[in-house]
Amino acid sequence: MAKEKQLTLKPLDDRVVVEPLDAEEKTSGGILLPDTAKQKPQQGKVVAVGPGRLNDKGTRLALAVKVGDTVLFGKYGGSDVEVNGKEYKILREAEILGKITK
């Protein structure tokens, strides 16, 4: 068997790699939604973060999110990429609207 190469995403500066969560299959009333009626997911799980952006003095500013956080982002924000058959979204930290806490 041939070994499958592992491709890892390492974001630069203040970029964050997010794995979008699946769109809702049902409405709150229990109605099943067809694929055409599903909205683009606006929540996702952070899978990688960059080192932070450089400020004017040349020091790195820490990001407010970390790997494992669940975040909200704009419907059309970021860039969609596919790695090893999985969909990811690469966003700047400023494009993240908030963290979901439990």
Protein backbone atom coordinates (compact mmCIF):
# COMPACT_ATOMS: atom_id res chain seq x y z
CA MET A 1 0.00 0.00 0.00
CA ALA A 2 1.26 3.44 -0.87
CA LYS A 3 1.35 6.00 1.91
CA GLU A 4 -0.99 8.94 1.48
CA LYS A 5 0.79 12.28 1.77
CA GLN A 6 -0.50 14.49 4.56
CA LEU A 7 -1.02 18.04 3.42
CA THR A 8 -1.26 20.55 6.24
CA LEU A 9 -2.39 24.14 6.02
CA LYS A 10 -0.23 26.64 7.89
CA PRO A 11 -1.87 30.08 7.68
CA LEU A 12 0.28 33.20 7.59
CA ASP A 13 0.02 36.38 9.67
CA ASP A 14 -3.50 36.91 11.09
CA ARG A 15 -5.23 34.31 8.94
CA VAL A 16 -7.33 31.49 10.37
CA VAL A 17 -8.31 28.16 8.75
CA VAL A 18 -11.91 27.21 9.57
CA GLU A 19 -13.77 23.98 8.81
CA PRO A 20 -17.38 25.07 8.13
CA LEU A 21 -20.04 23.21 10.08
CA ASP A 22 -22.77 21.48 8.09
CA ALA A 23 -25.85 23.45 7.13
CA GLU A 24 -29.03 22.73 9.03
CA GLU A 25 -30.98 19.75 7.68
CA LYS A 26 -34.24 20.77 9.41
CA THR A 27 -35.96 23.98 10.39
CA SER A 28 -36.80 24.63 14.03
CA GLY A 29 -40.33 23.46 13.20
CA GLY A 30 -39.06 20.08 11.97
CA ILE A 31 -39.37 20.63 8.19
CA LEU A 32 -36.63 18.87 6.19
CA LEU A 33 -34.79 21.22 3.84
CA PRO A 34 -33.73 20.22 0.31
CA ASP A 35 -30.14 20.99 -0.74
CA THR A 36 -31.26 24.01 -2.77
CA ALA A 37 -32.92 25.66 0.25
CA LYS A 38 -30.00 25.26 2.66
CA GLN A 39 -28.12 28.41 3.54
CA LYS A 40 -24.36 28.64 3.41
CA PRO A 41 -22.96 27.74 6.83
CA GLN A 42 -21.82 30.70 8.86
CA GLN A 43 -20.28 28.74 11.72
CA GLY A 44 -17.12 26.72 11.76
CA LYS A 45 -14.44 25.13 13.87
CA VAL A 46 -10.95 26.67 13.88
CA VAL A 47 -8.40 24.06 12.71
CA ALA A 48 -5.29 26.27 12.35
CA VAL A 49 -4.19 29.81 13.20
CA GLY A 50 -1.33 31.95 11.98
CA PRO A 51 1.29 33.52 14.25
CA GLY A 52 -0.48 36.92 14.26
CA ARG A 53 0.14 40.10 12.32
CA LEU A 54 3.12 42.36 12.80
CA ASN A 55 2.52 45.79 14.33
CA ASP A 56 4.47 48.95 13.43
CA LYS A 57 7.22 48.08 15.92
CA GLY A 58 7.76 44.63 14.42
CA THR A 59 6.24 42.56 17.22
CA ARG A 60 3.54 39.93 16.66
CA LEU A 61 0.03 40.59 17.96
CA ALA A 62 -1.65 37.48 19.37
CA LEU A 63 -4.91 36.28 17.82
CA ALA A 64 -8.14 36.21 19.83
CA VAL A 65 -9.07 32.73 18.56
CA LYS A 66 -7.34 29.39 18.98
CA VAL A 67 -7.58 25.92 17.48
CA GLY A 68 -10.81 24.23 18.56
CA ASP A 69 -12.89 27.42 18.92
CA THR A 70 -16.27 27.60 17.18
CA VAL A 71 -16.62 30.92 15.37
CA LEU A 72 -19.15 32.91 13.35
CA PHE A 73 -18.17 34.49 10.05
CA GLY A 74 -19.87 36.40 7.26
CA LYS A 75 -21.78 34.48 4.62
CA TYR A 76 -19.39 35.42 1.81
CA GLY A 77 -16.23 36.14 3.82
CA GLY A 78 -12.85 34.50 3.33
CA SER A 79 -11.58 32.18 0.62
CA ASP A 80 -12.88 28.66 0.06
CA VAL A 81 -10.20 25.99 -0.44
CA GLU A 82 -10.27 22.21 -0.76
CA VAL A 83 -7.50 20.06 0.74
CA ASN A 84 -7.58 16.25 0.50
CA GLY A 85 -11.28 16.36 -0.41
CA LYS A 86 -12.29 18.51 2.59
CA GLU A 87 -13.64 22.04 2.32
CA TYR A 88 -12.03 24.78 4.40
CA LYS A 89 -12.36 28.54 4.62
CA ILE A 90 -9.36 30.83 5.13
CA LEU A 91 -10.30 34.08 6.88
CA ARG A 92 -8.46 37.06 8.30
CA GLU A 93 -9.06 37.50 12.01
CA ALA A 94 -10.99 40.72 11.27
CA GLU A 95 -13.51 38.72 9.19
CA ILE A 96 -14.47 36.60 12.21
CA LEU A 97 -17.59 38.07 13.78
CA GLY A 98 -17.41 36.27 17.12
CA LYS A 99 -16.74 33.11 19.13
CA ILE A 100 -19.47 30.77 20.30
CA THR A 101 -19.01 29.86 23.95
CA LYS A 102 -20.80 27.13 25.81
